[in-house]
Amino acid sequence: MTGRTKPLTLAAITGAHGVAGEVRLKLLGEGLDALKAHKSFNDGALTLTEIRSDNKGGAVARFAECSGRNEAEALRGTTLTVPREALPPLEEGEYYHADLLGLAVVTDAGEPVGKVVDVQNFGASDVVEIEKPDGKKFMVPLIDAAVPEWDGERLVVNSGFAEG
């Protein structure tokens, strides 16, 4: 699947919360409000019935398919995905992290560098993690000076940032 057709991940279940089947969530992307907009996840496998903030940057949720602590614990590590069509259209310059993952990376001179394996944000701007063919990884800020262009096929990195 390409980044533009695979489901997008909005959260991940980190474990059980209490004994009644609630789960703790690590929120990704736009956070709690983005998650609240959806009732069904993972192609209908999970149906959201309740969600609230945990006041720590995450959330606590209840799914119709989960009625006890053992079922909640069994969901640990499950990501909550929705189809791309279920999300609002992107504005100019916006993107989903999933669109970048797996892209081939080349320098502005056309030399192959590796592939995008992760996208992080430490506060200032998104940062792409690039893995070279030898397995070594390095990070590049997703700013025009470092990444002059990218599309659905490749990400171009300014040669000065490709040294890793």
N, C-alpha and C. Protein backbone atom coordinates (compact mmCIF):
# COMPACT_ATOMS: atom_id res chain seq x y z
N MET A 1 0.84 -1.19 0.00
CA MET A 1 0.00 0.00 0.00
C MET A 1 0.87 1.23 0.00
N THR A 2 0.48 2.22 -0.72
CA THR A 2 1.21 3.48 -0.68
C THR A 2 0.72 4.29 0.49
N GLY A 3 1.49 5.32 0.86
CA GLY A 3 1.11 6.19 1.97
C GLY A 3 -0.23 6.85 1.75
N ARG A 4 -0.64 7.02 0.49
CA ARG A 4 -1.87 7.74 0.21
C ARG A 4 -3.11 6.84 0.21
N THR A 5 -2.94 5.54 0.38
CA THR A 5 -4.11 4.66 0.41
C THR A 5 -4.23 3.89 1.72
N LYS A 6 -3.14 3.76 2.47
CA LYS A 6 -3.24 3.00 3.71
C LYS A 6 -3.96 3.82 4.78
N PRO A 7 -4.59 3.13 5.73
CA PRO A 7 -5.29 3.84 6.81
C PRO A 7 -4.31 4.70 7.62
N LEU A 8 -4.82 5.74 8.22
CA LEU A 8 -4.00 6.63 9.03
C LEU A 8 -4.21 6.32 10.51
N THR A 9 -3.13 6.30 11.26
CA THR A 9 -3.17 5.98 12.68
C THR A 9 -3.39 7.24 13.49
N LEU A 10 -4.40 7.22 14.37
CA LEU A 10 -4.73 8.37 15.22
C LEU A 10 -4.31 8.17 16.67
N ALA A 11 -4.16 6.93 17.11
CA ALA A 11 -3.80 6.65 18.50
C ALA A 11 -3.30 5.22 18.62
N ALA A 12 -2.72 4.93 19.79
CA ALA A 12 -2.28 3.57 20.10
C ALA A 12 -2.73 3.23 21.51
N ILE A 13 -3.16 2.01 21.70
CA ILE A 13 -3.60 1.55 23.03
C ILE A 13 -2.35 1.14 23.81
N THR A 14 -2.17 1.76 24.99
CA THR A 14 -0.98 1.49 25.79
C THR A 14 -1.24 0.53 26.94
N GLY A 15 -2.52 0.21 27.21
CA GLY A 15 -2.83 -0.75 28.26
C GLY A 15 -4.22 -0.56 28.82
N ALA A 16 -4.54 -1.35 29.83
CA ALA A 16 -5.85 -1.27 30.48
C ALA A 16 -5.89 -0.10 31.46
N HIS A 17 -7.10 0.39 31.72
CA HIS A 17 -7.32 1.44 32.72
C HIS A 17 -8.47 0.95 33.60
N GLY A 18 -8.15 0.57 34.82
CA GLY A 18 -9.19 0.06 35.71
C GLY A 18 -9.56 -1.37 35.37
N VAL A 19 -10.74 -1.81 35.88
CA VAL A 19 -11.16 -3.20 35.72
C VAL A 19 -12.36 -3.38 34.80
N ALA A 20 -12.94 -2.26 34.33
CA ALA A 20 -14.20 -2.35 33.57
C ALA A 20 -14.03 -2.39 32.06
N GLY A 21 -12.79 -2.51 31.57
CA GLY A 21 -12.60 -2.62 30.13
C GLY A 21 -12.14 -1.35 29.44
N GLU A 22 -11.86 -0.30 30.20
CA GLU A 22 -11.35 0.92 29.57
C GLU A 22 -9.87 0.73 29.23
N VAL A 23 -9.41 1.50 28.24
CA VAL A 23 -8.01 1.44 27.81
C VAL A 23 -7.38 2.83 27.86
N ARG A 24 -6.07 2.85 28.06
CA ARG A 24 -5.30 4.09 27.98
C ARG A 24 -4.82 4.25 26.54
N LEU A 25 -4.85 5.49 26.05
CA LEU A 25 -4.44 5.77 24.68
C LEU A 25 -3.29 6.77 24.62
N LYS A 26 -2.35 6.51 23.74
CA LYS A 26 -1.36 7.50 23.35
C LYS A 26 -1.93 8.16 22.10
N LEU A 27 -2.12 9.47 22.16
CA LEU A 27 -2.73 10.19 21.04
C LEU A 27 -1.67 10.61 20.05
N LEU A 28 -1.97 10.45 18.78
CA LEU A 28 -1.06 10.84 17.70
C LEU A 28 -1.77 11.90 16.86
N GLY A 29 -1.03 12.57 16.04
CA GLY A 29 -1.67 13.53 15.13
C GLY A 29 -2.29 14.71 15.87
N GLU A 30 -3.57 14.95 15.61
CA GLU A 30 -4.24 16.14 16.12
C GLU A 30 -4.84 15.97 17.51
N GLY A 31 -4.66 14.83 18.15
CA GLY A 31 -5.06 14.67 19.53
C GLY A 31 -6.49 14.23 19.76
N LEU A 32 -7.00 14.53 20.95
CA LEU A 32 -8.28 14.03 21.42
C LEU A 32 -9.44 14.44 20.53
N ASP A 33 -9.51 15.70 20.13
CA ASP A 33 -10.64 16.15 19.31
C ASP A 33 -10.70 15.41 17.98
N ALA A 34 -9.56 15.14 17.38
CA ALA A 34 -9.53 14.40 16.12
C ALA A 34 -10.04 12.98 16.32
N LEU A 35 -9.70 12.39 17.45
CA LEU A 35 -10.14 11.03 17.74
C LEU A 35 -11.64 10.97 18.02
N LYS A 36 -12.15 11.97 18.75
CA LYS A 36 -13.58 12.03 19.08
C LYS A 36 -14.47 12.07 17.85
N ALA A 37 -13.94 12.56 16.75
CA ALA A 37 -14.73 12.70 15.52
C ALA A 37 -15.06 11.36 14.88
N HIS A 38 -14.46 10.28 15.36
CA HIS A 38 -14.64 8.95 14.77
C HIS A 38 -15.24 8.00 15.79
N LYS A 39 -16.11 7.13 15.33
CA LYS A 39 -16.72 6.14 16.22
C LYS A 39 -16.24 4.73 15.93
N SER A 40 -15.69 4.52 14.74
CA SER A 40 -15.28 3.19 14.33
C SER A 40 -13.82 3.23 13.90
N PHE A 41 -13.06 2.21 14.33
CA PHE A 41 -11.63 2.14 14.02
C PHE A 41 -11.28 0.75 13.49
N ASN A 42 -10.16 0.68 12.81
CA ASN A 42 -9.61 -0.59 12.32
C ASN A 42 -10.63 -1.37 11.50
N ASP A 43 -11.18 -0.70 10.51
CA ASP A 43 -12.16 -1.30 9.59
C ASP A 43 -13.37 -1.87 10.33
N GLY A 44 -13.82 -1.17 11.36
CA GLY A 44 -15.01 -1.57 12.09
C GLY A 44 -14.77 -2.55 13.22
N ALA A 45 -13.51 -2.93 13.47
CA ALA A 45 -13.22 -3.91 14.53
C ALA A 45 -13.43 -3.34 15.92
N LEU A 46 -13.28 -2.02 16.07
CA LEU A 46 -13.44 -1.38 17.37
C LEU A 46 -14.41 -0.22 17.25
N THR A 47 -15.41 -0.18 18.16
CA THR A 47 -16.43 0.86 18.16
C THR A 47 -16.29 1.68 19.43
N LEU A 48 -15.95 2.94 19.28
CA LEU A 48 -15.75 3.84 20.41
C LEU A 48 -17.09 4.19 21.05
N THR A 49 -17.21 3.99 22.37
CA THR A 49 -18.44 4.35 23.07
C THR A 49 -18.23 5.52 24.02
N GLU A 50 -17.01 5.68 24.55
CA GLU A 50 -16.68 6.79 25.45
C GLU A 50 -15.21 7.14 25.29
N ILE A 51 -14.90 8.44 25.47
CA ILE A 51 -13.50 8.86 25.48
C ILE A 51 -13.40 10.14 26.30
N ARG A 52 -12.29 10.24 27.04
CA ARG A 52 -12.03 11.45 27.82
C ARG A 52 -10.52 11.64 27.94
N SER A 53 -10.13 12.86 28.24
CA SER A 53 -8.72 13.16 28.44
C SER A 53 -8.25 12.49 29.73
N ASP A 54 -6.99 12.10 29.75
CA ASP A 54 -6.42 11.58 31.00
C ASP A 54 -5.68 12.69 31.75
N ASN A 55 -5.76 13.92 31.20
CA ASN A 55 -5.11 15.10 31.78
C ASN A 55 -3.58 14.97 31.83
N LYS A 56 -3.03 14.09 31.01
CA LYS A 56 -1.58 13.89 30.92
C LYS A 56 -1.13 13.88 29.47
N GLY A 57 -1.99 14.34 28.56
CA GLY A 57 -1.66 14.34 27.14
C GLY A 57 -2.17 13.13 26.38
N GLY A 58 -2.79 12.20 27.09
CA GLY A 58 -3.35 11.01 26.46
C GLY A 58 -4.85 10.97 26.66
N ALA A 59 -5.42 9.79 26.59
CA ALA A 59 -6.87 9.65 26.76
C ALA A 59 -7.19 8.29 27.37
N VAL A 60 -8.41 8.20 27.87
CA VAL A 60 -8.96 6.94 28.35
C VAL A 60 -10.21 6.69 27.52
N ALA A 61 -10.34 5.48 26.98
CA ALA A 61 -11.46 5.17 26.09
C ALA A 61 -12.10 3.84 26.45
N ARG A 62 -13.35 3.71 26.01
CA ARG A 62 -14.08 2.46 26.15
C ARG A 62 -14.58 2.08 24.75
N PHE A 63 -14.42 0.79 24.43
CA PHE A 63 -14.90 0.26 23.16
C PHE A 63 -15.99 -0.76 23.43
N ALA A 64 -16.99 -0.81 22.57
CA ALA A 64 -18.11 -1.74 22.72
C ALA A 64 -17.63 -3.18 22.79
N GLU A 65 -16.54 -3.49 22.12
CA GLU A 65 -16.04 -4.86 22.03
C GLU A 65 -15.19 -5.28 23.23
N CYS A 66 -15.03 -4.41 24.21
CA CYS A 66 -14.13 -4.67 25.32
C CYS A 66 -14.89 -4.48 26.64
N SER A 67 -15.12 -5.57 27.40
CA SER A 67 -15.94 -5.46 28.60
C SER A 67 -15.20 -5.71 29.91
N GLY A 68 -13.93 -6.03 29.85
CA GLY A 68 -13.20 -6.29 31.09
C GLY A 68 -11.72 -6.01 30.97
N ARG A 69 -11.04 -6.06 32.09
CA ARG A 69 -9.61 -5.74 32.11
C ARG A 69 -8.79 -6.68 31.23
N ASN A 70 -9.08 -7.97 31.23
CA ASN A 70 -8.31 -8.91 30.41
C ASN A 70 -8.43 -8.57 28.93
N GLU A 71 -9.65 -8.24 28.48
CA GLU A 71 -9.83 -7.86 27.07
C GLU A 71 -9.10 -6.56 26.77
N ALA A 72 -9.14 -5.62 27.73
CA ALA A 72 -8.44 -4.35 27.55
C ALA A 72 -6.93 -4.57 27.45
N GLU A 73 -6.38 -5.41 28.34
CA GLU A 73 -4.95 -5.71 28.30
C GLU A 73 -4.56 -6.38 26.99
N ALA A 74 -5.43 -7.22 26.46
CA ALA A 74 -5.15 -7.91 25.19
C ALA A 74 -5.02 -6.92 24.03
N LEU A 75 -5.60 -5.74 24.18
CA LEU A 75 -5.53 -4.73 23.11
C LEU A 75 -4.25 -3.88 23.18
N ARG A 76 -3.45 -4.06 24.22
CA ARG A 76 -2.20 -3.28 24.35
C ARG A 76 -1.40 -3.38 23.06
N GLY A 77 -0.94 -2.25 22.57
CA GLY A 77 -0.14 -2.21 21.34
C GLY A 77 -0.95 -2.05 20.07
N THR A 78 -2.27 -2.15 20.17
CA THR A 78 -3.14 -1.99 19.00
C THR A 78 -3.17 -0.52 18.60
N THR A 79 -3.00 -0.25 17.32
CA THR A 79 -3.15 1.12 16.84
C THR A 79 -4.58 1.33 16.37
N LEU A 80 -5.06 2.55 16.50
CA LEU A 80 -6.41 2.89 16.05
C LEU A 80 -6.30 3.63 14.74
N THR A 81 -6.83 3.03 13.68
CA THR A 81 -6.71 3.60 12.35
C THR A 81 -8.08 3.93 11.77
N VAL A 82 -8.06 4.89 10.87
CA VAL A 82 -9.26 5.26 10.10
C VAL A 82 -8.85 5.40 8.64
N PRO A 83 -9.80 5.19 7.72
CA PRO A 83 -9.45 5.39 6.31
C PRO A 83 -9.19 6.87 6.04
N ARG A 84 -8.30 7.13 5.11
CA ARG A 84 -7.96 8.52 4.75
C ARG A 84 -9.21 9.33 4.39
N GLU A 85 -10.18 8.68 3.74
CA GLU A 85 -11.40 9.38 3.31
C GLU A 85 -12.21 9.89 4.49
N ALA A 86 -11.99 9.34 5.70
CA ALA A 86 -12.74 9.75 6.88
C ALA A 86 -12.19 11.03 7.50
N LEU A 87 -11.07 11.51 6.98
CA LEU A 87 -10.44 12.71 7.52
C LEU A 87 -10.70 13.91 6.62
N PRO A 88 -10.65 15.11 7.19
CA PRO A 88 -10.89 16.30 6.37
C PRO A 88 -9.79 16.48 5.32
N PRO A 89 -10.12 17.15 4.21
CA PRO A 89 -9.10 17.37 3.20
C PRO A 89 -7.96 18.23 3.75
N LEU A 90 -6.78 18.00 3.22
CA LEU A 90 -5.61 18.75 3.67
C LEU A 90 -5.56 20.12 3.01
N GLU A 91 -5.07 21.10 3.74
CA GLU A 91 -4.82 22.43 3.20
C GLU A 91 -3.47 22.43 2.49
N GLU A 92 -3.21 23.45 1.72
CA GLU A 92 -1.94 23.60 1.03
C GLU A 92 -0.80 23.56 2.05
N GLY A 93 0.21 22.73 1.78
CA GLY A 93 1.36 22.61 2.66
C GLY A 93 1.18 21.63 3.80
N GLU A 94 -0.02 21.09 4.00
CA GLU A 94 -0.24 20.11 5.05
C GLU A 94 -0.01 18.70 4.51
N TYR A 95 0.25 17.77 5.41
CA TYR A 95 0.47 16.38 5.03
C TYR A 95 0.22 15.52 6.25
N TYR A 96 0.00 14.25 6.00
CA TYR A 96 -0.06 13.27 7.08
C TYR A 96 1.30 12.61 7.17
N HIS A 97 1.75 12.32 8.38
CA HIS A 97 3.04 11.65 8.55
C HIS A 97 3.11 10.37 7.74
N ALA A 98 1.99 9.67 7.64
CA ALA A 98 1.96 8.42 6.87
C ALA A 98 2.35 8.64 5.41
N ASP A 99 2.13 9.85 4.88
CA ASP A 99 2.49 10.14 3.50
C ASP A 99 4.00 10.15 3.29
N LEU A 100 4.75 10.39 4.37
CA LEU A 100 6.21 10.46 4.26
C LEU A 100 6.89 9.12 4.53
N LEU A 101 6.27 8.30 5.36
CA LEU A 101 6.89 7.04 5.75
C LEU A 101 7.10 6.12 4.55
N GLY A 102 8.32 5.61 4.43
CA GLY A 102 8.65 4.70 3.34
C GLY A 102 9.12 5.38 2.07
N LEU A 103 9.04 6.71 2.02
CA LEU A 103 9.50 7.40 0.80
C LEU A 103 11.00 7.21 0.60
N ALA A 104 11.39 7.04 -0.64
CA ALA A 104 12.81 7.03 -1.00
C ALA A 104 13.35 8.43 -0.77
N VAL A 105 14.60 8.52 -0.30
CA VAL A 105 15.24 9.81 -0.07
C VAL A 105 16.43 9.93 -1.00
N VAL A 106 16.51 11.06 -1.71
CA VAL A 106 17.63 11.36 -2.59
C VAL A 106 18.16 12.75 -2.26
N THR A 107 19.41 13.01 -2.66
CA THR A 107 19.95 14.35 -2.47
C THR A 107 19.43 15.24 -3.60
N ASP A 108 19.66 16.54 -3.46
CA ASP A 108 19.26 17.47 -4.51
C ASP A 108 20.07 17.25 -5.79
N ALA A 109 21.14 16.44 -5.71
CA ALA A 109 21.92 16.07 -6.89
C ALA A 109 21.43 14.74 -7.47
N GLY A 110 20.40 14.13 -6.85
CA GLY A 110 19.84 12.89 -7.35
C GLY A 110 20.47 11.62 -6.81
N GLU A 111 21.41 11.74 -5.86
CA GLU A 111 22.07 10.57 -5.28
C GLU A 111 21.15 9.90 -4.26
N PRO A 112 20.99 8.57 -4.32
CA PRO A 112 20.16 7.89 -3.32
C PRO A 112 20.76 8.00 -1.92
N VAL A 113 19.89 8.19 -0.93
CA VAL A 113 20.33 8.33 0.45
C VAL A 113 19.79 7.20 1.31
N GLY A 114 18.50 6.86 1.14
CA GLY A 114 17.86 5.84 1.97
C GLY A 114 16.36 5.98 1.89
N LYS A 115 15.68 5.80 3.05
CA LYS A 115 14.23 5.94 3.07
C LYS A 115 13.78 6.55 4.40
N VAL A 116 12.62 7.18 4.38
CA VAL A 116 12.04 7.78 5.58
C VAL A 116 11.45 6.66 6.43
N VAL A 117 11.88 6.59 7.71
CA VAL A 117 11.38 5.53 8.59
C VAL A 117 10.56 6.07 9.76
N ASP A 118 10.62 7.38 10.01
CA ASP A 118 9.84 7.95 11.10
C ASP A 118 9.72 9.45 10.91
N VAL A 119 8.70 10.02 11.55
CA VAL A 119 8.50 11.46 11.58
C VAL A 119 8.25 11.83 13.03
N GLN A 120 9.01 12.79 13.55
CA GLN A 120 8.87 13.24 14.93
C GLN A 120 8.63 14.74 14.94
N ASN A 121 8.15 15.24 16.06
CA ASN A 121 8.05 16.67 16.25
C ASN A 121 8.45 16.97 17.68
N PHE A 122 9.53 17.73 17.83
CA PHE A 122 10.04 18.06 19.15
C PHE A 122 9.69 19.50 19.52
N GLY A 123 8.76 20.11 18.78
CA GLY A 123 8.29 21.44 19.14
C GLY A 123 8.41 22.48 18.05
N ALA A 124 9.52 22.51 17.33
CA ALA A 124 9.72 23.57 16.34
C ALA A 124 9.12 23.21 14.98
N SER A 125 9.45 22.04 14.48
CA SER A 125 8.92 21.59 13.19
C SER A 125 9.05 20.08 13.15
N ASP A 126 8.41 19.47 12.16
CA ASP A 126 8.56 18.03 11.99
C ASP A 126 9.99 17.71 11.59
N VAL A 127 10.45 16.54 11.99
CA VAL A 127 11.78 16.05 11.68
C VAL A 127 11.61 14.65 11.11
N VAL A 128 12.22 14.39 9.94
CA VAL A 128 12.14 13.06 9.35
C VAL A 128 13.38 12.28 9.74
N GLU A 129 13.16 11.00 10.10
CA GLU A 129 14.27 10.10 10.38
C GLU A 129 14.49 9.27 9.12
N ILE A 130 15.72 9.27 8.66
CA ILE A 130 16.08 8.60 7.41
C ILE A 130 17.04 7.46 7.73
N GLU A 131 16.74 6.29 7.15
CA GLU A 131 17.62 5.13 7.33
C GLU A 131 18.40 4.91 6.04
N LYS A 132 19.72 4.86 6.18
CA LYS A 132 20.60 4.59 5.04
C LYS A 132 20.61 3.08 4.77
N PRO A 133 21.07 2.67 3.58
CA PRO A 133 21.13 1.23 3.27
C PRO A 133 21.95 0.42 4.27
N ASP A 134 22.94 1.05 4.94
CA ASP A 134 23.76 0.32 5.92
C ASP A 134 23.08 0.21 7.28
N GLY A 135 21.84 0.74 7.38
CA GLY A 135 21.09 0.65 8.63
C GLY A 135 21.26 1.84 9.56
N LYS A 136 22.24 2.70 9.28
CA LYS A 136 22.44 3.88 10.11
C LYS A 136 21.32 4.88 9.84
N LYS A 137 20.91 5.58 10.89
CA LYS A 137 19.82 6.54 10.78
C LYS A 137 20.29 7.93 11.14
N PHE A 138 19.64 8.92 10.55
CA PHE A 138 19.90 10.31 10.90
C PHE A 138 18.61 11.10 10.70
N MET A 139 18.57 12.29 11.28
CA MET A 139 17.35 13.10 11.22
C MET A 139 17.60 14.39 10.46
N VAL A 140 16.54 14.84 9.78
CA VAL A 140 16.60 16.08 9.01
C VAL A 140 15.32 16.86 9.30
N PRO A 141 15.45 18.17 9.63
CA PRO A 141 14.25 18.96 9.85
C PRO A 141 13.46 19.14 8.56
N LEU A 142 12.16 19.08 8.66
CA LEU A 142 11.31 19.22 7.47
C LEU A 142 11.06 20.71 7.22
N ILE A 143 12.14 21.38 6.83
CA ILE A 143 12.09 22.81 6.49
C ILE A 143 12.63 22.96 5.07
N ASP A 144 12.27 24.04 4.40
CA ASP A 144 12.66 24.23 3.01
C ASP A 144 14.16 24.16 2.78
N ALA A 145 14.96 24.68 3.70
CA ALA A 145 16.42 24.66 3.53
C ALA A 145 16.98 23.24 3.51
N ALA A 146 16.35 22.33 4.24
CA ALA A 146 16.84 20.96 4.32
C ALA A 146 16.14 20.03 3.34
N VAL A 147 14.83 20.23 3.17
CA VAL A 147 14.02 19.38 2.29
C VAL A 147 13.32 20.31 1.29
N PRO A 148 13.99 20.59 0.16
CA PRO A 148 13.41 21.52 -0.80
C PRO A 148 12.15 21.02 -1.49
N GLU A 149 11.97 19.70 -1.56
CA GLU A 149 10.76 19.17 -2.20
C GLU A 149 10.53 17.72 -1.82
N TRP A 150 9.28 17.29 -1.94
CA TRP A 150 8.91 15.89 -1.79
C TRP A 150 7.56 15.70 -2.45
N ASP A 151 7.31 14.46 -2.84
CA ASP A 151 6.01 14.12 -3.44
C ASP A 151 5.68 12.70 -3.01
N GLY A 152 4.76 12.06 -3.64
CA GLY A 152 4.35 10.72 -3.27
C GLY A 152 5.36 9.64 -3.59
N GLU A 153 6.43 9.99 -4.29
CA GLU A 153 7.43 9.01 -4.70
C GLU A 153 8.77 9.15 -3.98
N ARG A 154 9.16 10.40 -3.66
CA ARG A 154 10.49 10.59 -3.08
C ARG A 154 10.54 11.89 -2.28
N LEU A 155 11.54 11.95 -1.40
CA LEU A 155 11.82 13.13 -0.61
C LEU A 155 13.22 13.58 -0.97
N VAL A 156 13.37 14.84 -1.33
CA VAL A 156 14.67 15.38 -1.74
C VAL A 156 15.28 16.14 -0.57
N VAL A 157 16.53 15.76 -0.22
CA VAL A 157 17.24 16.38 0.90
C VAL A 157 18.41 17.18 0.34
N ASN A 158 18.59 18.40 0.83
CA ASN A 158 19.74 19.21 0.47
C ASN A 158 21.00 18.44 0.85
N SER A 159 21.97 18.38 -0.05
CA SER A 159 23.18 17.57 0.15
C SER A 159 23.87 17.85 1.47
N GLY A 160 23.84 19.09 1.94
CA GLY A 160 24.49 19.44 3.21
C GLY A 160 23.84 18.77 4.41
N PHE A 161 22.58 18.36 4.28
CA PHE A 161 21.86 17.70 5.38
C PHE A 161 21.91 16.18 5.24
N ALA A 162 22.41 15.67 4.12
CA ALA A 162 22.36 14.23 3.85
C ALA A 162 23.57 13.48 4.38
N GLU A 163 24.46 14.17 5.04
CA GLU A 163 25.68 13.52 5.53
C GLU A 163 25.39 12.57 6.68
N GLY A 164 24.37 12.91 7.50
CA GLY A 164 23.96 12.05 8.60
C GLY A 164 25.09 11.78 9.53
